[in-house]
């Protein structure tokens, strides 16, 4: 306790001093995915706090005017742990391959994550909440053995397209997904996938992860 005591500070005053005397840059990393947010997540399958950018204000006492760049981190495919609606989930060999190649296990529980194609509607919804300055697209290399890559770009409810992410689990359980184009050759395929995501979301991808190592992050701009 005596070793830790000097490190314990009043968080509000500490952040205020860091922001002003003299001003310093602060990097804040979120611990959970945006759709686990208590207010904007896929309730009831959420956590007990704000995982979106608002958590910087409510969790650290940082005024909104001091929030600068907001970077969204998203895998090149979609995963989920436990129960909950997952329209693009692949309960087949594709899902198993994504799970094994991506080593998709829950950090705390060790449970296998459910895997499926990237849902851009979901990513766009999180962009609407967070206002991403740019994206970090990770695990693109996991897709390099697939002859075809599919991307979810639109939900259909009772046969009709809907232009929003359903807030109700009851509605989300009923939607089907339209899937985007396929890609034949991996190198141009990967580049086209990135550009397609950028065009769809209207957010630039700034970094791409192609392996799990630090030096495997490609900076685009």
Protein backbone atom coordinates (compact mmCIF):
# COMPACT_ATOMS: atom_id res chain seq x y z
CA UNK A 1 0.00 0.00 0.00
CA UNK A 2 2.82 2.43 0.83
CA UNK A 3 4.39 1.86 -2.58
CA UNK A 4 1.10 2.61 -4.32
CA UNK A 5 0.07 5.57 -2.14
CA UNK A 6 2.25 8.19 -3.96
CA UNK A 7 0.69 7.15 -7.27
CA UNK A 8 -2.91 7.76 -6.14
CA UNK A 9 -4.22 11.17 -7.23
CA UNK A 10 -7.47 13.03 -7.68
CA UNK A 11 -8.26 12.16 -11.29
CA UNK A 12 -10.09 15.37 -12.17
CA UNK A 13 -7.28 17.65 -10.98
CA UNK A 14 -4.63 15.41 -12.53
CA UNK A 15 -6.31 15.49 -15.96
CA UNK A 16 -6.90 19.24 -15.70
CA UNK A 17 -3.26 19.92 -14.90
CA UNK A 18 -2.12 17.64 -17.70
CA UNK A 19 -4.34 19.46 -20.18
CA UNK A 20 -3.26 22.96 -19.13
CA UNK A 21 0.00 23.27 -17.12
CA UNK A 22 1.68 22.96 -19.62
CA UNK A 23 -0.73 21.31 -22.07
CA UNK A 24 0.14 17.74 -23.03
CA UNK A 25 -1.33 15.22 -25.43
CA UNK A 26 -3.30 12.40 -23.81
CA UNK A 27 -3.94 9.03 -25.46
CA UNK A 28 -7.05 7.24 -24.20
CA UNK A 29 -7.74 3.64 -25.21
CA UNK A 30 -11.18 2.07 -24.87
CA UNK A 31 -11.36 -1.34 -23.21
CA UNK A 32 -14.55 -2.69 -24.81
CA UNK A 33 -16.25 -2.57 -28.19
CA UNK A 34 -18.64 0.29 -28.94
CA UNK A 35 -21.70 -1.96 -29.09
CA UNK A 36 -21.11 -3.03 -25.49
CA UNK A 37 -21.87 0.56 -24.45
CA UNK A 38 -24.56 0.74 -21.74
CA UNK A 39 -26.46 3.49 -23.60
CA UNK A 40 -25.86 2.77 -27.29
CA UNK A 41 -24.95 -0.92 -27.36
CA UNK A 42 -27.03 -3.97 -28.26
CA UNK A 43 -28.89 -4.09 -24.95
CA UNK A 44 -29.16 -6.30 -22.92
CA UNK A 45 -25.86 -7.72 -24.21
CA UNK A 46 -23.80 -4.79 -22.93
CA UNK A 47 -21.40 -3.87 -20.15
CA UNK A 48 -22.05 -1.45 -17.28
CA UNK A 49 -20.24 1.62 -18.62
CA UNK A 50 -19.78 3.87 -21.65
CA UNK A 51 -17.43 2.27 -24.20
CA UNK A 52 -17.93 4.98 -26.82
CA UNK A 53 -16.02 8.27 -27.01
CA UNK A 54 -18.32 9.79 -24.39
CA UNK A 55 -16.64 7.54 -21.84
CA UNK A 56 -13.60 9.82 -22.03
CA UNK A 57 -15.72 12.57 -20.49
CA UNK A 58 -17.78 10.50 -18.05
CA UNK A 59 -14.94 8.20 -17.02
CA UNK A 60 -11.97 10.57 -16.85
CA UNK A 61 -13.55 13.97 -16.33
CA UNK A 62 -12.12 15.35 -19.57
CA UNK A 63 -14.21 18.22 -21.03
CA UNK A 64 -15.64 17.47 -24.52
CA UNK A 65 -13.80 20.48 -25.99
CA UNK A 66 -10.47 18.76 -25.33
CA UNK A 67 -11.25 15.65 -27.36
CA UNK A 68 -9.21 15.73 -30.56
CA UNK A 69 -8.76 12.85 -32.98
CA UNK A 70 -10.99 9.79 -32.57
CA UNK A 71 -9.67 6.59 -34.15
CA UNK A 72 -11.93 3.59 -34.60
CA UNK A 73 -10.37 0.12 -34.46
CA UNK A 74 -12.20 -2.56 -36.46
CA UNK A 75 -11.32 -6.05 -37.64
CA UNK A 76 -11.62 -6.98 -41.31
CA UNK A 77 -14.34 -9.41 -40.21
CA UNK A 78 -16.88 -9.38 -37.37
CA UNK A 79 -16.76 -11.32 -34.09
CA UNK A 80 -18.94 -11.72 -31.04
CA UNK A 81 -18.65 -13.55 -27.72
CA UNK A 82 -21.69 -15.24 -26.20
CA UNK A 83 -25.32 -14.74 -27.13
CA UNK A 84 -26.85 -11.95 -29.19
CA UNK A 85 -27.94 -11.31 -32.76
CA UNK A 86 -25.25 -11.69 -35.41
CA UNK A 87 -26.70 -11.40 -38.97
CA UNK A 88 -23.44 -12.17 -40.84
CA UNK A 89 -22.34 -15.01 -38.53
CA UNK A 90 -20.91 -18.03 -40.34
CA UNK A 91 -21.88 -21.24 -38.56
CA UNK A 92 -19.84 -23.27 -41.00
CA UNK A 93 -16.30 -23.93 -42.21
CA UNK A 94 -15.82 -20.22 -42.99
CA UNK A 95 -16.58 -19.24 -39.40
CA UNK A 96 -14.33 -22.00 -38.08
CA UNK A 97 -11.49 -20.86 -40.34
CA UNK A 98 -11.86 -17.24 -39.23
CA UNK A 99 -11.90 -18.37 -35.61
CA UNK A 100 -8.84 -20.61 -35.87
CA UNK A 101 -6.72 -18.32 -38.07
CA UNK A 102 -7.65 -15.23 -36.07
CA UNK A 103 -7.23 -17.03 -32.71
CA UNK A 104 -10.59 -15.68 -31.65
CA UNK A 105 -11.06 -16.47 -27.98
CA UNK A 106 -12.60 -14.33 -25.24
CA UNK A 107 -9.83 -12.66 -23.23
CA UNK A 108 -11.45 -13.31 -19.84
CA UNK A 109 -13.53 -16.44 -20.42
CA UNK A 110 -11.44 -18.17 -23.08
CA UNK A 111 -14.64 -18.96 -25.00
CA UNK A 112 -14.51 -19.21 -28.77
CA UNK A 113 -15.77 -16.06 -30.45
CA UNK A 114 -18.49 -16.32 -33.07
CA UNK A 115 -17.12 -15.14 -36.43
CA UNK A 116 -18.65 -13.80 -39.62
CA UNK A 117 -18.27 -11.36 -42.48
CA UNK A 118 -17.73 -7.67 -41.80
CA UNK A 119 -20.97 -5.79 -41.08
CA UNK A 120 -20.46 -2.28 -42.40
CA UNK A 121 -23.90 -1.18 -41.20
CA UNK A 122 -22.72 -1.85 -37.67
CA UNK A 123 -19.45 0.05 -38.21
CA UNK A 124 -21.32 3.00 -39.71
CA UNK A 125 -23.60 3.07 -36.67
CA UNK A 126 -20.59 3.30 -34.34
CA UNK A 127 -19.16 6.06 -36.56
CA UNK A 128 -22.40 8.02 -36.13
CA UNK A 129 -21.92 7.86 -32.36
CA UNK A 130 -18.16 8.40 -32.15
CA UNK A 131 -17.36 10.54 -35.19
CA UNK A 132 -14.19 8.72 -36.23
CA UNK A 133 -11.34 10.78 -37.64
CA UNK A 134 -9.91 7.64 -39.25
CA UNK A 135 -10.00 3.87 -38.89
CA UNK A 136 -7.48 1.22 -37.93
CA UNK A 137 -8.36 -1.90 -39.93
CA UNK A 138 -6.82 -4.97 -38.29
CA UNK A 139 -6.43 -8.67 -39.13
CA UNK A 140 -6.71 -8.18 -42.88
CA UNK A 141 -4.20 -11.02 -43.28
CA UNK A 142 -6.70 -13.51 -41.79
CA UNK A 143 -8.70 -13.23 -45.02
CA UNK A 144 -5.80 -13.96 -47.35
CA UNK A 145 -6.75 -17.63 -47.89
CA UNK A 146 -10.34 -16.93 -48.92
CA UNK A 147 -11.06 -17.04 -52.68
CA UNK A 148 -14.10 -14.86 -51.97
CA UNK A 149 -14.68 -12.15 -49.37
CA UNK A 150 -18.17 -10.98 -48.50
CA UNK A 151 -19.18 -7.78 -46.73
CA UNK A 152 -22.58 -6.94 -45.23
CA UNK A 153 -23.77 -3.60 -46.63
CA UNK A 154 -27.52 -3.52 -46.03
CA UNK A 155 -30.16 -4.96 -43.73
CA UNK A 156 -33.52 -6.17 -44.96
CA UNK A 157 -36.55 -6.35 -42.68
CA UNK A 158 -39.48 -8.36 -43.99
CA UNK A 159 -38.00 -8.16 -47.47
CA UNK A 160 -37.57 -4.37 -47.47
CA UNK A 161 -34.20 -2.59 -47.12
CA UNK A 162 -33.73 -0.47 -44.00
CA UNK A 163 -31.19 2.34 -43.77
CA UNK A 164 -30.45 2.10 -40.06
CA UNK A 165 -29.02 -0.21 -37.43
CA UNK A 166 -31.99 -1.60 -35.44
CA UNK A 167 -31.89 -0.57 -31.79
CA UNK A 168 -34.30 -3.35 -30.88
CA UNK A 169 -32.98 -6.90 -30.50
CA UNK A 170 -36.40 -8.09 -31.60
CA UNK A 171 -36.00 -6.31 -34.95
CA UNK A 172 -32.33 -7.23 -35.28
CA UNK A 173 -33.28 -10.88 -34.93
CA UNK A 174 -35.49 -10.54 -38.00
CA UNK A 175 -33.10 -8.82 -40.40
CA UNK A 176 -31.28 -10.49 -43.26
CA UNK A 177 -28.09 -9.16 -44.83
CA UNK A 178 -27.19 -8.24 -48.37
CA UNK A 179 -23.57 -9.08 -49.15
CA UNK A 180 -21.16 -7.12 -51.29
CA UNK A 181 -18.92 -8.14 -54.22
CA UNK A 182 -16.28 -10.88 -54.25
CA UNK A 183 -12.55 -10.55 -54.99
CA UNK A 184 -10.45 -13.03 -56.94
CA UNK A 185 -6.78 -12.20 -56.42
CA UNK A 186 -5.53 -11.43 -52.89
CA UNK A 187 -3.25 -8.36 -53.20
CA UNK A 188 -5.66 -6.22 -55.26
CA UNK A 189 -8.47 -7.89 -53.34
CA UNK A 190 -7.16 -6.59 -50.04
CA UNK A 191 -6.68 -3.08 -51.40
CA UNK A 192 -10.13 -3.04 -52.96
CA UNK A 193 -11.61 -4.21 -49.67
CA UNK A 194 -10.01 -1.32 -47.81
CA UNK A 195 -11.13 1.24 -50.40
CA UNK A 196 -14.65 -0.19 -50.39
CA UNK A 197 -14.85 0.19 -46.61
CA UNK A 198 -13.62 3.79 -46.89
CA UNK A 199 -16.17 4.68 -49.56
CA UNK A 200 -19.03 3.05 -47.70
CA UNK A 201 -18.27 4.65 -44.33
CA UNK A 202 -16.85 7.92 -45.70
CA UNK A 203 -14.03 7.56 -43.17
CA UNK A 204 -10.40 7.04 -44.22
CA UNK A 205 -8.54 3.91 -43.11
CA UNK A 206 -5.25 5.16 -41.70
CA UNK A 207 -3.68 1.89 -40.52
CA UNK A 208 -4.03 -1.73 -41.63
CA UNK A 209 -2.92 -4.69 -39.53
CA UNK A 210 -1.66 -7.73 -41.45
CA UNK A 211 -0.17 -9.74 -38.59
CA UNK A 212 -0.35 -9.71 -34.79
CA UNK A 213 3.05 -8.05 -34.32
CA UNK A 214 3.67 -4.34 -33.72
CA UNK A 215 5.77 -3.95 -36.84
CA UNK A 216 2.98 -5.48 -38.94
CA UNK A 217 0.86 -2.33 -38.90
CA UNK A 218 0.89 -0.56 -42.28
CA UNK A 219 0.41 3.20 -42.07
CA UNK A 220 -1.40 4.49 -45.15
CA UNK A 221 -1.18 8.22 -44.46
